N, C-alpha and C. Protein backbone atom coordinates (compact mmCIF):
# COMPACT_ATOMS: atom_id res chain seq x y z
N UNK A 1 -52.97 28.85 -32.88
CA UNK A 1 -52.79 30.28 -33.05
C UNK A 1 -51.58 30.71 -32.23
N UNK A 2 -50.71 31.50 -32.84
CA UNK A 2 -49.56 32.04 -32.13
C UNK A 2 -49.73 33.55 -31.97
N UNK A 3 -48.71 34.21 -31.42
CA UNK A 3 -48.82 35.64 -31.14
C UNK A 3 -49.05 36.45 -32.42
N UNK A 4 -48.36 36.10 -33.51
CA UNK A 4 -48.53 36.82 -34.77
C UNK A 4 -49.96 36.67 -35.29
N UNK A 5 -50.54 35.48 -35.17
CA UNK A 5 -51.93 35.27 -35.59
C UNK A 5 -52.88 36.11 -34.73
N UNK A 6 -52.60 36.18 -33.43
CA UNK A 6 -53.42 36.98 -32.54
C UNK A 6 -53.34 38.46 -32.91
N UNK A 7 -52.14 38.93 -33.22
CA UNK A 7 -51.98 40.33 -33.63
C UNK A 7 -52.76 40.60 -34.92
N UNK A 8 -52.69 39.69 -35.88
CA UNK A 8 -53.44 39.85 -37.13
C UNK A 8 -54.95 39.90 -36.88
N UNK A 9 -55.43 39.10 -35.95
CA UNK A 9 -56.85 39.08 -35.62
C UNK A 9 -57.27 40.39 -34.95
N UNK A 10 -56.43 40.90 -34.04
CA UNK A 10 -56.74 42.18 -33.38
C UNK A 10 -56.67 43.31 -34.40
N UNK A 11 -55.79 43.19 -35.38
CA UNK A 11 -55.64 44.24 -36.41
C UNK A 11 -56.91 44.41 -37.24
N UNK A 12 -57.79 43.43 -37.25
CA UNK A 12 -59.03 43.56 -38.01
C UNK A 12 -59.99 44.56 -37.36
N UNK A 13 -59.79 44.85 -36.06
CA UNK A 13 -60.66 45.81 -35.38
C UNK A 13 -59.93 47.10 -34.98
N UNK A 14 -58.63 47.16 -35.21
CA UNK A 14 -57.89 48.39 -34.97
C UNK A 14 -57.55 49.05 -36.31
N UNK A 15 -56.98 50.23 -36.24
CA UNK A 15 -56.67 50.93 -37.48
C UNK A 15 -55.46 50.35 -38.20
N UNK A 16 -54.45 49.94 -37.43
CA UNK A 16 -53.22 49.43 -38.06
C UNK A 16 -52.73 48.19 -37.34
N UNK A 17 -51.86 47.47 -38.03
CA UNK A 17 -51.25 46.29 -37.43
C UNK A 17 -50.32 46.69 -36.29
N UNK A 18 -49.68 47.86 -36.41
CA UNK A 18 -48.80 48.34 -35.35
C UNK A 18 -49.59 48.60 -34.07
N UNK A 19 -50.76 49.20 -34.18
CA UNK A 19 -51.61 49.42 -33.01
C UNK A 19 -52.03 48.09 -32.38
N UNK A 20 -52.34 47.13 -33.22
CA UNK A 20 -52.72 45.81 -32.72
C UNK A 20 -51.57 45.17 -31.95
N UNK A 21 -50.36 45.27 -32.49
CA UNK A 21 -49.20 44.69 -31.82
C UNK A 21 -48.96 45.37 -30.48
N UNK A 22 -49.09 46.71 -30.44
CA UNK A 22 -48.92 47.44 -29.18
C UNK A 22 -49.96 47.03 -28.16
N UNK A 23 -51.19 46.82 -28.61
CA UNK A 23 -52.27 46.41 -27.70
C UNK A 23 -52.02 45.02 -27.12
N UNK A 24 -51.64 44.10 -27.97
CA UNK A 24 -51.38 42.73 -27.52
C UNK A 24 -50.19 42.71 -26.56
N UNK A 25 -49.11 43.41 -26.93
CA UNK A 25 -47.93 43.47 -26.07
C UNK A 25 -48.26 44.10 -24.72
N UNK A 26 -49.10 45.12 -24.74
CA UNK A 26 -49.50 45.80 -23.50
C UNK A 26 -50.28 44.85 -22.59
N UNK A 27 -51.19 44.09 -23.15
CA UNK A 27 -51.97 43.14 -22.36
C UNK A 27 -51.06 42.10 -21.73
N UNK A 28 -50.16 41.52 -22.52
CA UNK A 28 -49.26 40.50 -22.00
C UNK A 28 -48.33 41.05 -20.93
N UNK A 29 -47.76 42.23 -21.15
CA UNK A 29 -46.83 42.80 -20.17
C UNK A 29 -47.56 43.21 -18.89
N UNK A 30 -48.80 43.69 -19.01
CA UNK A 30 -49.57 44.06 -17.83
C UNK A 30 -49.88 42.83 -16.98
N UNK A 31 -50.26 41.74 -17.62
CA UNK A 31 -50.52 40.50 -16.89
C UNK A 31 -49.24 40.01 -16.22
N UNK A 32 -48.12 40.05 -16.93
CA UNK A 32 -46.85 39.60 -16.36
C UNK A 32 -46.42 40.45 -15.17
N UNK A 33 -46.59 41.78 -15.28
CA UNK A 33 -46.22 42.67 -14.18
C UNK A 33 -47.09 42.40 -12.95
N UNK A 34 -48.38 42.18 -13.16
CA UNK A 34 -49.28 41.90 -12.04
C UNK A 34 -48.89 40.59 -11.36
N UNK A 35 -48.57 39.57 -12.14
CA UNK A 35 -48.17 38.28 -11.56
C UNK A 35 -46.84 38.41 -10.82
N UNK A 36 -45.95 39.24 -11.34
CA UNK A 36 -44.66 39.45 -10.67
C UNK A 36 -44.87 40.07 -9.30
N UNK A 37 -45.90 40.92 -9.16
CA UNK A 37 -46.22 41.54 -7.87
C UNK A 37 -47.10 40.63 -7.01
N UNK A 38 -47.31 39.40 -7.48
CA UNK A 38 -48.12 38.41 -6.77
C UNK A 38 -49.60 38.79 -6.74
N UNK A 39 -50.04 39.58 -7.73
CA UNK A 39 -51.45 39.92 -7.87
C UNK A 39 -52.15 38.85 -8.70
N UNK A 40 -53.47 38.88 -8.64
CA UNK A 40 -54.30 37.99 -9.45
C UNK A 40 -54.96 38.83 -10.53
N UNK A 41 -55.00 38.30 -11.76
CA UNK A 41 -55.66 38.99 -12.87
C UNK A 41 -56.89 38.17 -13.25
N UNK A 42 -58.07 38.76 -13.05
CA UNK A 42 -59.32 38.07 -13.36
C UNK A 42 -59.99 38.76 -14.53
N UNK A 43 -60.25 38.00 -15.57
CA UNK A 43 -60.96 38.49 -16.75
C UNK A 43 -62.31 37.78 -16.78
N UNK A 44 -63.35 38.52 -16.46
CA UNK A 44 -64.68 37.93 -16.33
C UNK A 44 -65.06 37.20 -17.61
N UNK A 45 -65.52 35.97 -17.47
CA UNK A 45 -65.94 35.16 -18.60
C UNK A 45 -64.80 34.45 -19.30
N UNK A 46 -63.55 34.83 -18.99
CA UNK A 46 -62.40 34.21 -19.64
C UNK A 46 -61.63 33.33 -18.68
N UNK A 47 -61.17 33.92 -17.57
CA UNK A 47 -60.43 33.13 -16.61
C UNK A 47 -59.60 33.99 -15.68
N UNK A 48 -58.78 33.31 -14.88
CA UNK A 48 -57.97 33.99 -13.87
C UNK A 48 -56.52 33.54 -13.99
N UNK A 49 -55.62 34.52 -14.00
CA UNK A 49 -54.20 34.27 -13.95
C UNK A 49 -53.76 34.52 -12.51
N UNK A 50 -52.98 33.60 -11.94
CA UNK A 50 -52.49 33.78 -10.58
C UNK A 50 -51.15 33.10 -10.42
N UNK A 51 -50.52 33.31 -9.28
CA UNK A 51 -49.23 32.72 -9.00
C UNK A 51 -49.42 31.65 -7.93
N UNK A 52 -48.95 30.45 -8.19
CA UNK A 52 -48.94 29.38 -7.21
C UNK A 52 -47.53 29.21 -6.69
N UNK A 53 -47.43 28.84 -5.44
CA UNK A 53 -46.12 28.62 -4.84
C UNK A 53 -45.87 27.12 -4.69
N UNK A 54 -44.80 26.65 -5.29
CA UNK A 54 -44.43 25.24 -5.15
C UNK A 54 -43.42 25.11 -4.01
N UNK A 55 -43.65 24.16 -3.16
CA UNK A 55 -42.74 23.95 -2.03
C UNK A 55 -41.47 23.26 -2.50
N UNK A 56 -40.42 23.43 -1.71
CA UNK A 56 -39.18 22.71 -1.97
C UNK A 56 -39.45 21.22 -1.75
N UNK A 57 -38.78 20.40 -2.54
CA UNK A 57 -39.01 18.96 -2.40
C UNK A 57 -37.78 18.20 -2.87
N UNK A 58 -37.78 16.92 -2.61
CA UNK A 58 -36.70 16.05 -3.06
C UNK A 58 -37.19 15.26 -4.26
N UNK A 59 -36.39 15.29 -5.32
CA UNK A 59 -36.71 14.53 -6.51
C UNK A 59 -35.64 13.50 -6.79
N UNK A 60 -35.73 12.85 -7.92
CA UNK A 60 -34.73 11.84 -8.30
C UNK A 60 -34.21 12.14 -9.69
N UNK A 61 -32.91 12.00 -9.85
CA UNK A 61 -32.30 12.12 -11.17
C UNK A 61 -32.71 10.87 -11.94
N UNK A 62 -33.40 11.00 -13.07
CA UNK A 62 -33.90 9.82 -13.78
C UNK A 62 -32.79 8.94 -14.36
N UNK A 63 -31.61 9.50 -14.61
CA UNK A 63 -30.53 8.70 -15.18
C UNK A 63 -29.78 7.90 -14.12
N UNK A 64 -29.55 8.54 -12.96
CA UNK A 64 -28.74 7.87 -11.94
C UNK A 64 -29.56 7.37 -10.76
N UNK A 65 -30.75 7.92 -10.58
CA UNK A 65 -31.58 7.53 -9.45
C UNK A 65 -31.20 8.24 -8.16
N UNK A 66 -30.19 9.13 -8.23
CA UNK A 66 -29.76 9.86 -7.04
C UNK A 66 -30.81 10.90 -6.64
N UNK A 67 -31.00 11.10 -5.34
CA UNK A 67 -31.93 12.15 -4.91
C UNK A 67 -31.32 13.53 -5.16
N UNK A 68 -32.17 14.47 -5.56
CA UNK A 68 -31.73 15.85 -5.76
C UNK A 68 -32.73 16.78 -5.08
N UNK A 69 -32.25 17.93 -4.66
CA UNK A 69 -33.12 18.91 -4.01
C UNK A 69 -33.67 19.85 -5.08
N UNK A 70 -34.98 20.03 -5.06
CA UNK A 70 -35.64 20.94 -5.97
C UNK A 70 -36.10 22.13 -5.14
N UNK A 71 -35.65 23.33 -5.53
CA UNK A 71 -35.95 24.54 -4.76
C UNK A 71 -37.42 24.93 -4.87
N UNK A 72 -37.89 25.66 -3.86
CA UNK A 72 -39.23 26.23 -3.90
C UNK A 72 -39.25 27.32 -4.97
N UNK A 73 -40.40 27.47 -5.63
CA UNK A 73 -40.48 28.50 -6.66
C UNK A 73 -41.93 28.88 -6.91
N UNK A 74 -42.09 30.03 -7.56
CA UNK A 74 -43.42 30.50 -7.94
C UNK A 74 -43.66 30.12 -9.39
N UNK A 75 -44.89 29.70 -9.69
CA UNK A 75 -45.24 29.34 -11.06
C UNK A 75 -46.55 30.01 -11.45
N UNK A 76 -46.64 30.51 -12.69
CA UNK A 76 -47.90 31.10 -13.13
C UNK A 76 -48.94 30.01 -13.39
N UNK A 77 -50.19 30.36 -13.12
CA UNK A 77 -51.27 29.39 -13.32
C UNK A 77 -52.46 30.12 -13.93
N UNK A 78 -53.14 29.44 -14.85
CA UNK A 78 -54.35 29.98 -15.46
C UNK A 78 -55.50 29.04 -15.14
N UNK A 79 -56.58 29.61 -14.63
CA UNK A 79 -57.78 28.83 -14.34
C UNK A 79 -58.88 29.37 -15.25
N UNK A 80 -59.36 28.56 -16.20
CA UNK A 80 -60.39 29.05 -17.14
C UNK A 80 -61.70 29.34 -16.42
N UNK A 81 -62.40 30.36 -16.92
CA UNK A 81 -63.70 30.72 -16.37
C UNK A 81 -64.80 29.84 -16.93
N UNK A 82 -65.97 29.95 -16.35
CA UNK A 82 -67.10 29.11 -16.74
C UNK A 82 -67.48 29.31 -18.20
N UNK A 83 -67.52 30.56 -18.65
CA UNK A 83 -67.90 30.83 -20.04
C UNK A 83 -66.92 30.22 -21.03
N UNK A 84 -65.63 30.32 -20.73
CA UNK A 84 -64.62 29.74 -21.61
C UNK A 84 -64.74 28.22 -21.65
N UNK A 85 -64.99 27.62 -20.53
CA UNK A 85 -65.18 26.16 -20.48
C UNK A 85 -66.37 25.74 -21.35
N UNK A 86 -67.45 26.53 -21.27
CA UNK A 86 -68.65 26.20 -22.04
C UNK A 86 -68.40 26.35 -23.54
N UNK A 87 -67.63 27.38 -23.92
CA UNK A 87 -67.32 27.58 -25.35
C UNK A 87 -66.50 26.41 -25.89
N UNK A 88 -65.54 25.95 -25.12
CA UNK A 88 -64.67 24.86 -25.57
C UNK A 88 -65.43 23.54 -25.65
N UNK A 89 -66.35 23.34 -24.73
CA UNK A 89 -67.11 22.10 -24.75
C UNK A 89 -68.34 22.32 -25.57
């Protein structure tokens, strides 16, 4: 399922496809804004979106074998909730 499929599915319970697209876009942008502020987004029964911090480290260039420095950075992470895990299994 991609974003367009998700919008079509939401459109079955909203009045129009445009409203569905606005709703989906709003949810995604709200989650992104919260993560940008280093907040955690918890959706009961679904899961938790959070930001993990990766430390700076030394890696290797796979072609030359030379060491390279990899900068520290923040990465988004999703941890599925218990209910979602049970549905999938």
